Protein backbone atom coordinates (compact mmCIF):
# COMPACT_ATOMS: atom_id res chain seq x y z
CA SER A 1 -14.35 1.69 18.63
CA ALA A 2 -10.73 1.60 19.80
CA TRP A 3 -9.76 0.20 16.39
CA ILE A 4 -11.09 3.29 14.62
CA PRO A 5 -9.92 6.40 16.50
CA ARG A 6 -12.12 9.43 15.94
CA LYS A 7 -11.02 12.75 14.43
CA LEU A 8 -7.45 11.60 13.93
CA TYR A 9 -7.41 11.38 10.11
CA ASP A 10 -8.82 13.36 7.20
CA ILE A 11 -9.79 10.19 5.30
CA TYR A 12 -11.04 6.92 6.72
CA ALA A 13 -11.11 3.85 4.48
CA ILE A 14 -12.48 0.79 6.24
CA GLY A 15 -12.60 -2.57 4.51
CA VAL A 16 -13.76 -5.73 6.26
CA GLN A 17 -14.70 -9.31 5.49
CA GLU A 18 -17.35 -11.55 7.09
CA ALA A 19 -19.45 -8.50 8.07
CA GLN A 20 -22.68 -10.38 8.65
CA TRP A 21 -25.36 -10.76 11.29
CA ASP A 22 -24.36 -12.13 14.68
CA SER A 23 -27.50 -12.60 16.74
CA LYS A 24 -25.49 -13.01 19.97
CA SER A 25 -23.67 -9.67 19.73
CA GLY A 26 -26.38 -7.74 17.89
CA ALA A 27 -23.97 -6.71 15.11
CA GLY A 28 -25.53 -5.21 12.00
CA SER A 29 -27.05 -7.57 9.49
CA ASN A 30 -27.18 -5.49 6.36
CA GLU A 31 -25.19 -2.87 4.50
CA ALA A 32 -27.27 0.10 5.58
CA GLU A 33 -27.04 -0.77 9.27
CA TRP A 34 -23.32 -1.52 9.11
CA PHE A 35 -22.53 1.72 7.26
CA SER A 36 -24.76 3.69 9.62
CA LEU A 37 -22.82 2.37 12.63
CA LEU A 38 -19.56 3.55 11.09
CA GLN A 39 -20.95 6.98 10.25
CA ASP A 40 -22.34 7.36 13.77
CA HIS A 41 -18.96 6.41 15.20
CA LEU A 42 -17.05 8.93 13.05
CA GLY A 43 -19.56 11.71 13.70
CA ASP A 44 -20.88 14.72 11.84
CA ASP A 45 -17.40 16.01 10.97
CA TYR A 46 -17.18 13.27 8.32
CA VAL A 47 -19.04 12.74 5.05
CA ARG A 48 -19.46 9.37 3.40
CA VAL A 49 -17.70 9.24 0.02
CA VAL A 50 -18.63 5.68 -0.91
CA ALA A 51 -20.01 2.60 0.80
CA PHE A 52 -20.64 -0.72 -0.92
CA SER A 53 -20.38 -4.47 -0.55
CA LEU A 54 -19.65 -7.75 -2.27
CA TRP A 55 -21.56 -10.36 -0.27
CA HIS A 56 -20.14 -9.91 3.27
CA MET A 57 -17.12 -7.83 2.29
CA ARG A 58 -17.68 -4.14 2.97
CA MET A 59 -15.85 -0.97 1.99
CA TYR A 60 -16.60 2.39 3.58
CA VAL A 61 -14.74 5.61 2.79
CA ALA A 62 -15.40 8.87 4.60
CA VAL A 63 -13.65 12.24 4.42
CA ARG A 64 -13.50 15.13 6.85
CA ARG A 65 -16.30 17.53 5.88
CA LYS A 66 -13.91 20.42 5.13
CA HIS A 67 -12.30 18.33 2.33
CA CYS A 68 -15.43 16.91 0.68
CA HIS A 69 -15.37 19.61 -2.04
CA ALA A 70 -11.96 18.29 -3.14
CA ILE A 71 -13.11 14.71 -3.78
CA SER A 72 -13.65 13.78 -7.44
CA ASN A 73 -13.33 10.97 -9.99
CA ILE A 74 -14.74 8.31 -7.67
CA GLU A 75 -14.68 4.80 -9.13
CA LYS A 76 -15.58 1.54 -7.42
CA SER A 77 -15.39 -2.08 -8.45
CA THR A 78 -15.82 -5.62 -7.21
CA GLU A 79 -14.31 -8.90 -8.36
CA ALA A 80 -15.80 -12.21 -7.24
CA THR A 81 -13.32 -15.11 -7.15
CA GLY A 82 -15.31 -17.66 -5.15
CA ILE A 83 -17.04 -20.77 -6.46
CA ALA A 84 -16.76 -20.88 -10.27
CA LYS A 85 -15.19 -17.40 -10.12
CA VAL A 86 -18.73 -16.05 -9.72
CA ALA A 87 -19.61 -16.37 -6.03
CA GLY A 88 -18.76 -13.33 -3.94
CA ASN A 89 -17.75 -15.27 -0.84
CA LYS A 90 -14.16 -14.64 -1.97
CA GLY A 91 -12.77 -11.76 -3.97
CA GLY A 92 -12.04 -8.10 -3.61
CA ILE A 93 -13.54 -4.64 -3.58
CA ALA A 94 -11.78 -1.43 -4.56
CA VAL A 95 -12.29 2.33 -4.62
CA ALA A 96 -10.24 4.89 -6.52
CA LEU A 97 -10.67 8.61 -6.00
CA GLN A 98 -8.95 11.92 -6.37
CA ILE A 99 -8.52 14.30 -3.45
CA TYR A 100 -7.07 17.62 -4.49
CA GLU A 101 -4.22 16.64 -6.85
CA SER A 102 -3.63 13.13 -5.47
CA ARG A 103 -5.15 9.87 -6.77
CA ILE A 104 -5.76 7.13 -4.19
CA ALA A 105 -6.62 3.46 -4.70
CA LEU A 106 -8.05 1.46 -1.79
CA VAL A 107 -8.47 -2.32 -1.90
CA ALA A 108 -10.01 -4.84 0.52
CA SER A 109 -10.09 -8.56 -0.12
CA HIS A 110 -11.10 -11.93 1.25
CA LEU A 111 -9.15 -14.61 -0.55
CA ALA A 112 -8.95 -18.37 -0.15
CA ALA A 113 -6.43 -19.56 2.43
CA HIS A 114 -3.36 -21.58 1.48
CA GLN A 115 -3.62 -20.84 -2.26
């Protein structure tokens, strides 16, 4: 929780890799549980804009509730670059959106090392 300070920003965009079940720590095993943990951490002042995954890569974007009316033109995409350029163990996920008059693009990736 120290990595994601609460109520400090109007938009939170959180992208991670290797977000999978860890039976020792009890970390969330699926998308819904993982996204729910983030929403609970941020609190009721924030509204989820988009949340999606490519295998174990996750992207979660939330906006302060007072700005949610200004969010539009949401687009999301994934690109698998793993085995045979099909497997989603490597690749990227991206979100583009408009807030008021500004367009924002957010990208998270998990690429092969030493390439």
